[in-house]
Amino acid sequence: MDNTKNTNKYIILMIIAMLFWGFAWTAGKVAAEHSNAQVAAFWRYAISFITILPVIWYLKTPLKTDRVGYMYMVAAGVLTSLFNYLFFAGLSHGQAGYGGTMVTSLAPIITYILSILFLGITVSFRQLGALFIGILGALILLRVPLDGFAFLNVESSYFLGCAIVWALVTVIAQKASKRAHLMFHTVVVFGITAFINMLFALPHHPFDFEAYDETFWITIFLIGLIPGTFSTALYFVSAGKVGAHRTGVYMFIVPVGAIVSSWVVYGEALELSTLIGCLLAFAAVILFNMKNSSKALE
């Protein structure tokens, strides 16, 4: 009974973390509108890096890895800095709800494909079927059946780039998890990301605090602290309790936060193609993890 209660507690925490990640898409659009992609990208991860340090200390996270582990961290940091820029650049052109739904729906599917190609993961017929459903969902999300390749526009191309880059970051994290604690991996990646984004933000004077209004500073601080540090810590702690094989499913709570918050703030409507594509991708993740779940429960 106690184990069930503890598991339920961590499931609730995981849901909260995912909702905050969803809210970050709408908050990110607000921040991008009150600054620019370069400055917003820098401050998001600078704040996350600074505020996650006390969490690392509190959790007594082991700060050790080997040379290969550091190589993974550098690669992940470079890619995350690219994702971070694409995130704000996409939001400055497109809708927060659509971006949050598209990226979090496509990224797990792309991750599975990359894992099969580069990590040598073997798949069953059921998992191949799941990938087919996921790819179908991705095509519907991109509105290919309706609009052909019209998704290759400014708005969708940024979000598609986000999904591809985040899938690469996820694959690297899977490799790095064998060489370092993921919280240590995360804090180093946060630091590298902030530094790289700072280099691109310098021409825009990111340290000229009076150049950007109060709305920007409040919003970017909340993005860095809550979805950045708070949700990341909740995610890793809860994933360890809920089970790593189940965490992919929880990612599909992110679009709920993105869609609801973007509707409240911007009045963005949810398109039918977005809903269908998201549900198909969600079904694909459940089917793909079903075999792993049964093994974990044995």
C-alpha atoms as a PDB file:
ATOM      1  CA  MET A   1       0.000   0.000   0.000  1.00  0.00           C
ATOM      2  CA  ASP A   2       2.811   2.394   0.909  1.00  0.00           C
ATOM      3  CA  ASN A   3       4.603   1.617  -2.346  1.00  0.00           C
ATOM      4  CA  THR A   4       1.401   2.345  -4.260  1.00  0.00           C
ATOM      5  CA  LYS A   5       0.965   5.662  -2.458  1.00  0.00           C
ATOM      6  CA  ASN A   6       4.579   6.616  -3.155  1.00  0.00           C
ATOM      7  CA  THR A   7       4.206   5.664  -6.817  1.00  0.00           C
ATOM      8  CA  ASN A   8       1.021   7.729  -7.108  1.00  0.00           C
ATOM      9  CA  LYS A   9       2.807  10.685  -5.529  1.00  0.00           C
ATOM     10  CA  TYR A  10       5.577  10.554  -8.117  1.00  0.00           C
ATOM     11  CA  ILE A  11       3.057  10.115 -10.939  1.00  0.00           C
ATOM     12  CA  ILE A  12       1.363  13.343  -9.807  1.00  0.00           C
ATOM     13  CA  LEU A  13       4.756  15.085  -9.659  1.00  0.00           C
ATOM     14  CA  MET A  14       5.558  13.840 -13.167  1.00  0.00           C
ATOM     15  CA  ILE A  15       2.241  15.215 -14.454  1.00  0.00           C
ATOM     16  CA  ILE A  16       2.974  18.600 -12.838  1.00  0.00           C
ATOM     17  CA  ALA A  17       6.445  18.675 -14.417  1.00  0.00           C
ATOM     18  CA  MET A  18       5.005  17.921 -17.863  1.00  0.00           C
ATOM     19  CA  LEU A  19       2.301  20.602 -17.532  1.00  0.00           C
ATOM     20  CA  PHE A  20       4.933  23.205 -16.638  1.00  0.00           C
ATOM     21  CA  TRP A  21       6.961  22.181 -19.694  1.00  0.00           C
ATOM     22  CA  GLY A  22       3.799  22.769 -21.703  1.00  0.00           C
ATOM     23  CA  PHE A  23       3.251  26.203 -20.159  1.00  0.00           C
ATOM     24  CA  ALA A  24       6.841  27.073 -21.153  1.00  0.00           C
ATOM     25  CA  TRP A  25       5.829  27.189 -24.813  1.00  0.00           C
ATOM     26  CA  THR A  26       3.339  29.981 -24.241  1.00  0.00           C
ATOM     27  CA  ALA A  27       5.622  31.804 -21.814  1.00  0.00           C
ATOM     28  CA  GLY A  28       8.435  31.449 -24.358  1.00  0.00           C
ATOM     29  CA  LYS A  29       6.314  33.155 -26.998  1.00  0.00           C
ATOM     30  CA  VAL A  30       5.682  36.047 -24.602  1.00  0.00           C
ATOM     31  CA  ALA A  31       9.421  36.333 -23.885  1.00  0.00           C
ATOM     32  CA  ALA A  32      10.300  36.226 -27.606  1.00  0.00           C
ATOM     33  CA  GLU A  33       7.785  38.987 -28.351  1.00  0.00           C
ATOM     34  CA  HIS A  34       9.386  41.231 -25.709  1.00  0.00           C
ATOM     35  CA  SER A  35      13.004  40.615 -26.761  1.00  0.00           C
ATOM     36  CA  ASN A  36      14.542  38.452 -29.489  1.00  0.00           C
ATOM     37  CA  ALA A  37      15.384  34.769 -29.919  1.00  0.00           C
ATOM     38  CA  GLN A  38      19.085  35.206 -29.066  1.00  0.00           C
ATOM     39  CA  VAL A  39      18.614  37.057 -25.768  1.00  0.00           C
ATOM     40  CA  ALA A  40      15.680  34.919 -24.643  1.00  0.00           C
ATOM     41  CA  ALA A  41      17.628  31.729 -25.452  1.00  0.00           C
ATOM     42  CA  PHE A  42      20.616  32.859 -23.390  1.00  0.00           C
ATOM     43  CA  TRP A  43      18.724  33.957 -20.292  1.00  0.00           C
ATOM     44  CA  ARG A  44      16.473  30.891 -20.229  1.00  0.00           C
ATOM     45  CA  TYR A  45      19.370  28.500 -19.691  1.00  0.00           C
ATOM     46  CA  ALA A  46      21.524  30.930 -17.712  1.00  0.00           C
ATOM     47  CA  ILE A  47      18.760  31.117 -15.110  1.00  0.00           C
ATOM     48  CA  SER A  48      18.211  27.346 -15.239  1.00  0.00           C
ATOM     49  CA  PHE A  49      21.940  26.706 -14.751  1.00  0.00           C
ATOM     50  CA  ILE A  50      22.221  29.042 -11.759  1.00  0.00           C
ATOM     51  CA  THR A  51      19.058  27.815 -10.040  1.00  0.00           C
ATOM     52  CA  ILE A  52      19.725  24.092 -10.573  1.00  0.00           C
ATOM     53  CA  LEU A  53      23.053  24.232  -8.693  1.00  0.00           C
ATOM     54  CA  PRO A  54      21.380  24.205  -5.237  1.00  0.00           C
ATOM     55  CA  VAL A  55      19.254  21.242  -6.391  1.00  0.00           C
ATOM     56  CA  ILE A  56      22.394  19.329  -7.366  1.00  0.00           C
ATOM     57  CA  TRP A  57      23.849  20.057  -3.916  1.00  0.00           C
ATOM     58  CA  TYR A  58      20.615  19.114  -2.093  1.00  0.00           C
ATOM     59  CA  LEU A  59      20.248  15.813  -3.965  1.00  0.00           C
ATOM     60  CA  LYS A  60      23.945  15.041  -3.317  1.00  0.00           C
ATOM     61  CA  THR A  61      24.366  14.254  -7.002  1.00  0.00           C
ATOM     62  CA  PRO A  62      27.708  12.545  -7.753  1.00  0.00           C
ATOM     63  CA  LEU A  63      29.781  14.888  -9.924  1.00  0.00           C
ATOM     64  CA  LYS A  64      31.899  12.422 -11.818  1.00  0.00           C
ATOM     65  CA  THR A  65      32.219  10.958 -15.289  1.00  0.00           C
ATOM     66  CA  ASP A  66      34.974   9.995 -17.735  1.00  0.00           C
ATOM     67  CA  ARG A  67      36.356  11.634 -20.872  1.00  0.00           C
ATOM     68  CA  VAL A  68      33.725  10.068 -23.104  1.00  0.00           C
ATOM     69  CA  GLY A  69      31.031  11.263 -20.692  1.00  0.00           C
ATOM     70  CA  TYR A  70      32.286  14.842 -21.004  1.00  0.00           C
ATOM     71  CA  MET A  71      32.290  14.480 -24.802  1.00  0.00           C
ATOM     72  CA  TYR A  72      28.629  13.497 -24.626  1.00  0.00           C
ATOM     73  CA  MET A  73      27.914  16.526 -22.435  1.00  0.00           C
ATOM     74  CA  VAL A  74      29.621  18.917 -24.853  1.00  0.00           C
ATOM     75  CA  ALA A  75      27.730  17.435 -27.802  1.00  0.00           C
ATOM     76  CA  ALA A  76      24.440  17.651 -25.903  1.00  0.00           C
ATOM     77  CA  GLY A  77      25.211  21.240 -24.864  1.00  0.00           C
ATOM     78  CA  VAL A  78      25.876  22.316 -28.454  1.00  0.00           C
ATOM     79  CA  LEU A  79      22.689  20.654 -29.672  1.00  0.00           C
ATOM     80  CA  THR A  80      20.616  22.038 -26.780  1.00  0.00           C
ATOM     81  CA  SER A  81      21.829  25.556 -27.569  1.00  0.00           C
ATOM     82  CA  LEU A  82      20.595  25.010 -31.136  1.00  0.00           C
ATOM     83  CA  PHE A  83      17.269  23.661 -29.850  1.00  0.00           C
ATOM     84  CA  ASN A  84      16.974  26.650 -27.527  1.00  0.00           C
ATOM     85  CA  TYR A  85      17.419  29.117 -30.393  1.00  0.00           C
ATOM     86  CA  LEU A  86      14.992  27.231 -32.655  1.00  0.00           C
ATOM     87  CA  PHE A  87      12.479  27.166 -29.757  1.00  0.00           C
ATOM     88  CA  PHE A  88      12.349  30.961 -29.429  1.00  0.00           C
ATOM     89  CA  ALA A  89      12.756  31.653 -33.153  1.00  0.00           C
ATOM     90  CA  GLY A  90       9.841  29.327 -33.909  1.00  0.00           C
ATOM     91  CA  LEU A  91       7.676  30.922 -31.237  1.00  0.00           C
ATOM     92  CA  SER A  92       8.414  34.405 -32.587  1.00  0.00           C
ATOM     93  CA  HIS A  93       6.847  33.272 -35.897  1.00  0.00           C
ATOM     94  CA  GLY A  94       4.344  30.568 -34.936  1.00  0.00           C
ATOM     95  CA  GLN A  95       1.755  29.411 -32.417  1.00  0.00           C
ATOM     96  CA  ALA A  96       2.787  28.150 -28.995  1.00  0.00           C
ATOM     97  CA  GLY A  97       0.149  25.415 -28.814  1.00  0.00           C
ATOM     98  CA  TYR A  98       1.026  24.022 -32.225  1.00  0.00           C
ATOM     99  CA  GLY A  99       4.756  24.179 -31.488  1.00  0.00           C
ATOM    100  CA  GLY A 100       4.437  22.433 -28.133  1.00  0.00           C
ATOM    101  CA  THR A 101       2.243  19.716 -29.619  1.00  0.00           C
ATOM    102  CA  MET A 102       4.326  19.173 -32.737  1.00  0.00           C
ATOM    103  CA  VAL A 103       7.720  18.980 -31.013  1.00  0.00           C
ATOM    104  CA  THR A 104       6.708  16.745 -28.115  1.00  0.00           C
ATOM    105  CA  SER A 105       4.772  14.438 -30.440  1.00  0.00           C
ATOM    106  CA  LEU A 106       7.443  14.110 -33.131  1.00  0.00           C
ATOM    107  CA  ALA A 107      10.515  13.974 -30.879  1.00  0.00           C
ATOM    108  CA  PRO A 108       9.766  10.525 -29.324  1.00  0.00           C
ATOM    109  CA  ILE A 109       9.072   9.030 -32.778  1.00  0.00           C
ATOM    110  CA  ILE A 110      12.316  10.449 -34.200  1.00  0.00           C
ATOM    111  CA  THR A 111      14.139   9.263 -31.065  1.00  0.00           C
ATOM    112  CA  TYR A 112      12.956   5.686 -31.628  1.00  0.00           C
ATOM    113  CA  ILE A 113      14.089   5.792 -35.264  1.00  0.00           C
ATOM    114  CA  LEU A 114      17.517   7.169 -34.304  1.00  0.00           C
ATOM    115  CA  SER A 115      17.840   4.607 -31.493  1.00  0.00           C
ATOM    116  CA  ILE A 116      17.183   1.791 -33.964  1.00  0.00           C
ATOM    117  CA  LEU A 117      19.663   3.204 -36.489  1.00  0.00           C
ATOM    118  CA  PHE A 118      22.491   4.240 -34.164  1.00  0.00           C
ATOM    119  CA  LEU A 119      22.052   2.387 -30.862  1.00  0.00           C
ATOM    120  CA  GLY A 120      21.420  -1.016 -32.409  1.00  0.00           C
ATOM    121  CA  ILE A 121      18.083  -1.445 -30.635  1.00  0.00           C
ATOM    122  CA  THR A 122      16.156  -4.448 -31.947  1.00  0.00           C
ATOM    123  CA  VAL A 123      12.437  -4.039 -32.478  1.00  0.00           C
ATOM    124  CA  SER A 124       9.519  -6.427 -32.601  1.00  0.00           C
ATOM    125  CA  PHE A 125       6.742  -6.468 -35.210  1.00  0.00           C
ATOM    126  CA  ARG A 126       4.542  -4.684 -32.663  1.00  0.00           C
ATOM    127  CA  GLN A 127       7.105  -1.927 -32.291  1.00  0.00           C
ATOM    128  CA  LEU A 128       7.471  -1.616 -36.063  1.00  0.00           C
ATOM    129  CA  GLY A 129       3.708  -1.204 -36.197  1.00  0.00           C
ATOM    130  CA  ALA A 130       3.971   1.442 -33.472  1.00  0.00           C
ATOM    131  CA  LEU A 131       6.576   3.317 -35.513  1.00  0.00           C
ATOM    132  CA  PHE A 132       4.294   3.196 -38.557  1.00  0.00           C
ATOM    133  CA  ILE A 133       1.448   4.682 -36.487  1.00  0.00           C
ATOM    134  CA  GLY A 134       3.829   7.299 -35.100  1.00  0.00           C
ATOM    135  CA  ILE A 135       5.046   8.281 -38.565  1.00  0.00           C
ATOM    136  CA  LEU A 136       1.427   8.502 -39.734  1.00  0.00           C
ATOM    137  CA  GLY A 137       0.686  10.757 -36.768  1.00  0.00           C
ATOM    138  CA  ALA A 138       3.708  12.890 -37.645  1.00  0.00           C
ATOM    139  CA  LEU A 139       2.518  13.303 -41.232  1.00  0.00           C
ATOM    140  CA  ILE A 140      -0.932  14.356 -40.000  1.00  0.00           C
ATOM    141  CA  LEU A 141       0.623  16.795 -37.517  1.00  0.00           C
ATOM    142  CA  LEU A 142       2.555  18.311 -40.403  1.00  0.00           C
ATOM    143  CA  ARG A 143      -0.722  18.415 -42.411  1.00  0.00           C
ATOM    144  CA  VAL A 144       0.913  16.538 -45.305  1.00  0.00           C
ATOM    145  CA  PRO A 145      -2.347  14.766 -46.351  1.00  0.00           C
ATOM    146  CA  LEU A 146      -4.082  18.164 -46.604  1.00  0.00           C
ATOM    147  CA  ASP A 147      -1.365  20.614 -47.618  1.00  0.00           C
ATOM    148  CA  GLY A 148       1.401  18.436 -49.065  1.00  0.00           C
ATOM    149  CA  PHE A 149       4.834  19.824 -48.214  1.00  0.00           C
ATOM    150  CA  ALA A 150       3.498  23.203 -47.198  1.00  0.00           C
ATOM    151  CA  PHE A 151       4.824  22.430 -43.705  1.00  0.00           C
ATOM    152  CA  LEU A 152       8.246  23.509 -44.980  1.00  0.00           C
ATOM    153  CA  ASN A 153       7.438  27.094 -44.029  1.00  0.00           C
ATOM    154  CA  VAL A 154       9.103  29.352 -41.500  1.00  0.00           C
ATOM    155  CA  GLU A 155       6.800  28.392 -38.627  1.00  0.00           C
ATOM    156  CA  SER A 156       6.830  24.616 -38.981  1.00  0.00           C
ATOM    157  CA  SER A 157      10.466  24.311 -40.087  1.00  0.00           C
ATOM    158  CA  TYR A 158      11.673  25.766 -36.775  1.00  0.00           C
ATOM    159  CA  PHE A 159       9.496  23.356 -34.784  1.00  0.00           C
ATOM    160  CA  LEU A 160      10.489  20.398 -36.969  1.00  0.00           C
ATOM    161  CA  GLY A 161      14.110  21.357 -36.343  1.00  0.00           C
ATOM    162  CA  CYS A 162      13.373  21.432 -32.602  1.00  0.00           C
ATOM    163  CA  ALA A 163      11.971  17.891 -32.715  1.00  0.00           C
ATOM    164  CA  ILE A 164      14.963  16.509 -34.650  1.00  0.00           C
ATOM    165  CA  VAL A 165      17.526  18.227 -32.418  1.00  0.00           C
ATOM    166  CA  TRP A 166      15.751  17.177 -29.221  1.00  0.00           C
ATOM    167  CA  ALA A 167      15.664  13.576 -30.437  1.00  0.00           C
ATOM    168  CA  LEU A 168      19.443  13.726 -30.917  1.00  0.00           C
ATOM    169  CA  VAL A 169      19.852  15.190 -27.412  1.00  0.00           C
ATOM    170  CA  THR A 170      17.723  12.341 -26.013  1.00  0.00           C
ATOM    171  CA  VAL A 171      19.823   9.683 -27.757  1.00  0.00           C
ATOM    172  CA  ILE A 172      23.007  11.268 -26.374  1.00  0.00           C
ATOM    173  CA  ALA A 173      21.457  11.329 -22.879  1.00  0.00           C
ATOM    174  CA  GLN A 174      20.726   7.598 -23.194  1.00  0.00           C
ATOM    175  CA  LYS A 175      24.395   6.971 -23.965  1.00  0.00           C
ATOM    176  CA  ALA A 176      25.600   9.387 -21.273  1.00  0.00           C
ATOM    177  CA  SER A 177      23.415   7.807 -18.549  1.00  0.00           C
ATOM    178  CA  LYS A 178      25.846   4.878 -18.415  1.00  0.00           C
ATOM    179  CA  ARG A 179      28.755   7.196 -17.625  1.00  0.00           C
ATOM    180  CA  ALA A 180      27.305   9.909 -15.364  1.00  0.00           C
ATOM    181  CA  HIS A 181      24.324  10.706 -13.182  1.00  0.00           C
ATOM    182  CA  LEU A 182      21.723  12.359 -15.431  1.00  0.00           C
ATOM    183  CA  MET A 183      21.356  15.324 -13.065  1.00  0.00           C
ATOM    184  CA  PHE A 184      25.108  15.971 -13.350  1.00  0.00           C
ATOM    185  CA  HIS A 185      24.807  15.542 -17.118  1.00  0.00           C
ATOM    186  CA  THR A 186      21.941  18.058 -17.091  1.00  0.00           C
ATOM    187  CA  VAL A 187      23.717  20.772 -15.104  1.00  0.00           C
ATOM    188  CA  VAL A 188      26.801  20.609 -17.344  1.00  0.00           C
ATOM    189  CA  VAL A 189      24.614  20.730 -20.457  1.00  0.00           C
ATOM    190  CA  PHE A 190      22.740  23.728 -18.997  1.00  0.00           C
ATOM    191  CA  GLY A 191      26.053  25.535 -18.438  1.00  0.00           C
ATOM    192  CA  ILE A 192      27.390  24.797 -21.935  1.00  0.00           C
ATOM    193  CA  THR A 193      24.070  25.790 -23.503  1.00  0.00           C
ATOM    194  CA  ALA A 194      23.972  29.097 -21.635  1.00  0.00           C
ATOM    195  CA  PHE A 195      27.567  29.899 -22.631  1.00  0.00           C
ATOM    196  CA  ILE A 196      27.044  29.149 -26.336  1.00  0.00           C
ATOM    197  CA  ASN A 197      23.766  31.070 -26.457  1.00  0.00           C
ATOM    198  CA  MET A 198      25.477  33.980 -24.676  1.00  0.00           C
ATOM    199  CA  LEU A 199      28.042  34.242 -27.497  1.00  0.00           C
ATOM    200  CA  PHE A 200      25.238  34.710 -30.029  1.00  0.00           C
ATOM    201  CA  ALA A 201      23.307  37.053 -27.720  1.00  0.00           C
ATOM    202  CA  LEU A 202      26.202  39.472 -27.059  1.00  0.00           C
ATOM    203  CA  PRO A 203      25.541  41.621 -30.180  1.00  0.00           C
ATOM    204  CA  HIS A 204      22.038  42.181 -28.769  1.00  0.00           C
ATOM    205  CA  HIS A 205      23.345  43.391 -25.378  1.00  0.00           C
ATOM    206  CA  PRO A 206      21.762  40.776 -23.081  1.00  0.00           C
ATOM    207  CA  PHE A 207      23.256  42.400 -19.973  1.00  0.00           C
ATOM    208  CA  ASP A 208      21.657  45.758 -20.689  1.00  0.00           C
ATOM    209  CA  PHE A 209      18.843  45.102 -18.253  1.00  0.00           C
ATOM    210  CA  GLU A 210      17.002  48.330 -19.077  1.00  0.00           C
ATOM    211  CA  ALA A 211      16.812  47.434 -22.774  1.00  0.00           C
ATOM    212  CA  TYR A 212      14.097  44.846 -22.069  1.00  0.00           C
ATOM    213  CA  ASP A 213      10.850  45.439 -20.245  1.00  0.00           C
ATOM    214  CA  GLU A 214       9.495  44.004 -17.016  1.00  0.00           C
ATOM    215  CA  THR A 215       7.307  41.479 -18.829  1.00  0.00           C
ATOM    216  CA  PHE A 216      10.357  39.905 -20.446  1.00  0.00           C
ATOM    217  CA  TRP A 217      12.346  39.606 -17.209  1.00  0.00           C
ATOM    218  CA  ILE A 218       9.469  38.150 -15.196  1.00  0.00           C
ATOM    219  CA  THR A 219       8.570  35.700 -17.950  1.00  0.00           C
ATOM    220  CA  ILE A 220      12.119  34.541 -18.694  1.00  0.00           C
ATOM    221  CA  PHE A 221      12.863  34.097 -14.983  1.00  0.00           C
ATOM    222  CA  LEU A 222       9.756  31.949 -14.574  1.00  0.00           C
ATOM    223  CA  ILE A 223      10.693  29.867 -17.660  1.00  0.00           C
ATOM    224  CA  GLY A 224      14.221  29.316 -16.392  1.00  0.00           C
ATOM    225  CA  LEU A 225      13.180  28.515 -12.823  1.00  0.00           C
ATOM    226  CA  ILE A 226       9.941  26.533 -13.094  1.00  0.00           C
ATOM    227  CA  PRO A 227       9.936  24.573 -16.399  1.00  0.00           C
ATOM    228  CA  GLY A 228      13.744  24.660 -16.440  1.00  0.00           C
ATOM    229  CA  THR A 229      14.998  23.790 -12.963  1.00  0.00           C
ATOM    230  CA  PHE A 230      11.881  22.728 -11.047  1.00  0.00           C
ATOM    231  CA  SER A 231      10.358  20.509 -13.743  1.00  0.00           C
ATOM    232  CA  THR A 232      13.707  19.004 -14.733  1.00  0.00           C
ATOM    233  CA  ALA A 233      14.388  17.998 -11.131  1.00  0.00           C
ATOM    234  CA  LEU A 234      10.859  16.616 -10.734  1.00  0.00           C
ATOM    235  CA  TYR A 235      11.224  14.716 -14.007  1.00  0.00           C
ATOM    236  CA  PHE A 236      14.466  12.945 -13.061  1.00  0.00           C
ATOM    237  CA  VAL A 237      13.425  12.199  -9.486  1.00  0.00           C
ATOM    238  CA  SER A 238       9.998  10.923 -10.540  1.00  0.00           C
ATOM    239  CA  ALA A 239      11.365   8.964 -13.518  1.00  0.00           C
ATOM    240  CA  GLY A 240      13.539   7.006 -11.122  1.00  0.00           C
ATOM    241  CA  LYS A 241      10.480   6.068  -9.067  1.00  0.00           C
ATOM    242  CA  VAL A 242       7.870   5.620 -11.805  1.00  0.00           C
ATOM    243  CA  GLY A 243      10.209   3.735 -14.137  1.00  0.00           C
ATOM    244  CA  ALA A 244      12.259   4.944 -17.070  1.00  0.00           C
ATOM    245  CA  HIS A 245      10.246   2.739 -19.439  1.00  0.00           C
ATOM    246  CA  ARG A 246       7.094   4.745 -18.667  1.00  0.00           C
ATOM    247  CA  THR A 247       8.429   8.280 -18.918  1.00  0.00           C
ATOM    248  CA  GLY A 248       7.913   8.558 -22.686  1.00  0.00           C
ATOM    249  CA  VAL A 249       4.149   8.350 -22.214  1.00  0.00           C
ATOM    250  CA  TYR A 250       4.138  11.269 -19.787  1.00  0.00           C
ATOM    251  CA  MET A 251       5.714  13.517 -22.424  1.00  0.00           C
ATOM    252  CA  PHE A 252       2.301  13.633 -24.089  1.00  0.00           C
ATOM    253  CA  ILE A 253       0.972  15.661 -21.176  1.00  0.00           C
ATOM    254  CA  VAL A 254       3.172  18.533 -22.408  1.00  0.00           C
ATOM    255  CA  PRO A 255       0.830  19.420 -25.320  1.00  0.00           C
ATOM    256  CA  VAL A 256      -2.060  19.736 -22.844  1.00  0.00           C
ATOM    257  CA  GLY A 257      -0.206  22.485 -20.978  1.00  0.00           C
ATOM    258  CA  ALA A 258       0.876  24.135 -24.236  1.00  0.00           C
ATOM    259  CA  ILE A 259      -2.579  24.028 -25.829  1.00  0.00           C
ATOM    260  CA  VAL A 260      -4.500  25.215 -22.742  1.00  0.00           C
ATOM    261  CA  SER A 261      -2.084  28.027 -21.885  1.00  0.00           C
ATOM    262  CA  SER A 262      -1.836  29.229 -25.512  1.00  0.00           C
ATOM    263  CA  TRP A 263      -5.642  29.250 -25.715  1.00  0.00           C
ATOM    264  CA  VAL A 264      -5.913  31.297 -22.509  1.00  0.00           C
ATOM    265  CA  VAL A 265      -3.176  33.803 -23.399  1.00  0.00           C
ATOM    266  CA  TYR A 266      -3.447  34.040 -27.195  1.00  0.00           C
ATOM    267  CA  GLY A 267      -6.820  32.528 -28.012  1.00  0.00           C
ATOM    268  CA  GLU A 268      -5.139  29.895 -30.219  1.00  0.00           C
ATOM    269  CA  ALA A 269      -7.592  27.260 -31.420  1.00  0.00           C
ATOM    270  CA  LEU A 270      -6.739  23.544 -31.530  1.00  0.00           C
ATOM    271  CA  GLU A 271      -6.938  22.205 -35.100  1.00  0.00           C
ATOM    272  CA  LEU A 272      -8.399  18.754 -35.716  1.00  0.00           C
ATOM    273  CA  SER A 273      -5.270  17.597 -37.565  1.00  0.00           C
ATOM    274  CA  THR A 274      -3.135  18.560 -34.561  1.00  0.00           C
ATOM    275  CA  LEU A 275      -5.371  16.589 -32.191  1.00  0.00           C
ATOM    276  CA  ILE A 276      -5.472  13.469 -34.406  1.00  0.00           C
ATOM    277  CA  GLY A 277      -1.735  13.547 -35.039  1.00  0.00           C
ATOM    278  CA  CYS A 278      -0.979  13.956 -31.341  1.00  0.00           C
ATOM    279  CA  LEU A 279      -3.278  11.054 -30.379  1.00  0.00           C
ATOM    280  CA  LEU A 280      -1.684   8.751 -32.984  1.00  0.00           C
ATOM    281  CA  ALA A 281       1.792   9.642 -31.744  1.00  0.00           C
ATOM    282  CA  PHE A 282       0.633   9.018 -28.171  1.00  0.00           C
ATOM    283  CA  ALA A 283      -0.694   5.585 -29.171  1.00  0.00           C
ATOM    284  CA  ALA A 284       2.616   4.834 -30.890  1.00  0.00           C
ATOM    285  CA  VAL A 285       4.619   5.583 -27.749  1.00  0.00           C
ATOM    286  CA  ILE A 286       2.362   3.332 -25.642  1.00  0.00           C
ATOM    287  CA  LEU A 287       2.651   0.460 -28.143  1.00  0.00           C
ATOM    288  CA  PHE A 288       6.397   0.877 -28.510  1.00  0.00           C
ATOM    289  CA  ASN A 289       6.931   0.749 -24.736  1.00  0.00           C
ATOM    290  CA  MET A 290       4.484  -2.108 -24.117  1.00  0.00           C
ATOM    291  CA  LYS A 291       7.124  -4.827 -24.529  1.00  0.00           C
ATOM    292  CA  ASN A 292       9.589  -3.028 -22.304  1.00  0.00           C
ATOM    293  CA  SER A 293       6.897  -2.442 -19.686  1.00  0.00           C
ATOM    294  CA  SER A 294       6.035  -6.109 -19.497  1.00  0.00           C
ATOM    295  CA  LYS A 295       9.693  -6.985 -19.047  1.00  0.00           C
ATOM    296  CA  ALA A 296      10.090  -4.423 -16.316  1.00  0.00           C
ATOM    297  CA  LEU A 297       7.136  -5.851 -14.445  1.00  0.00           C
ATOM    298  CA  GLU A 298       8.391  -9.423 -14.516  1.00  0.00           C
END
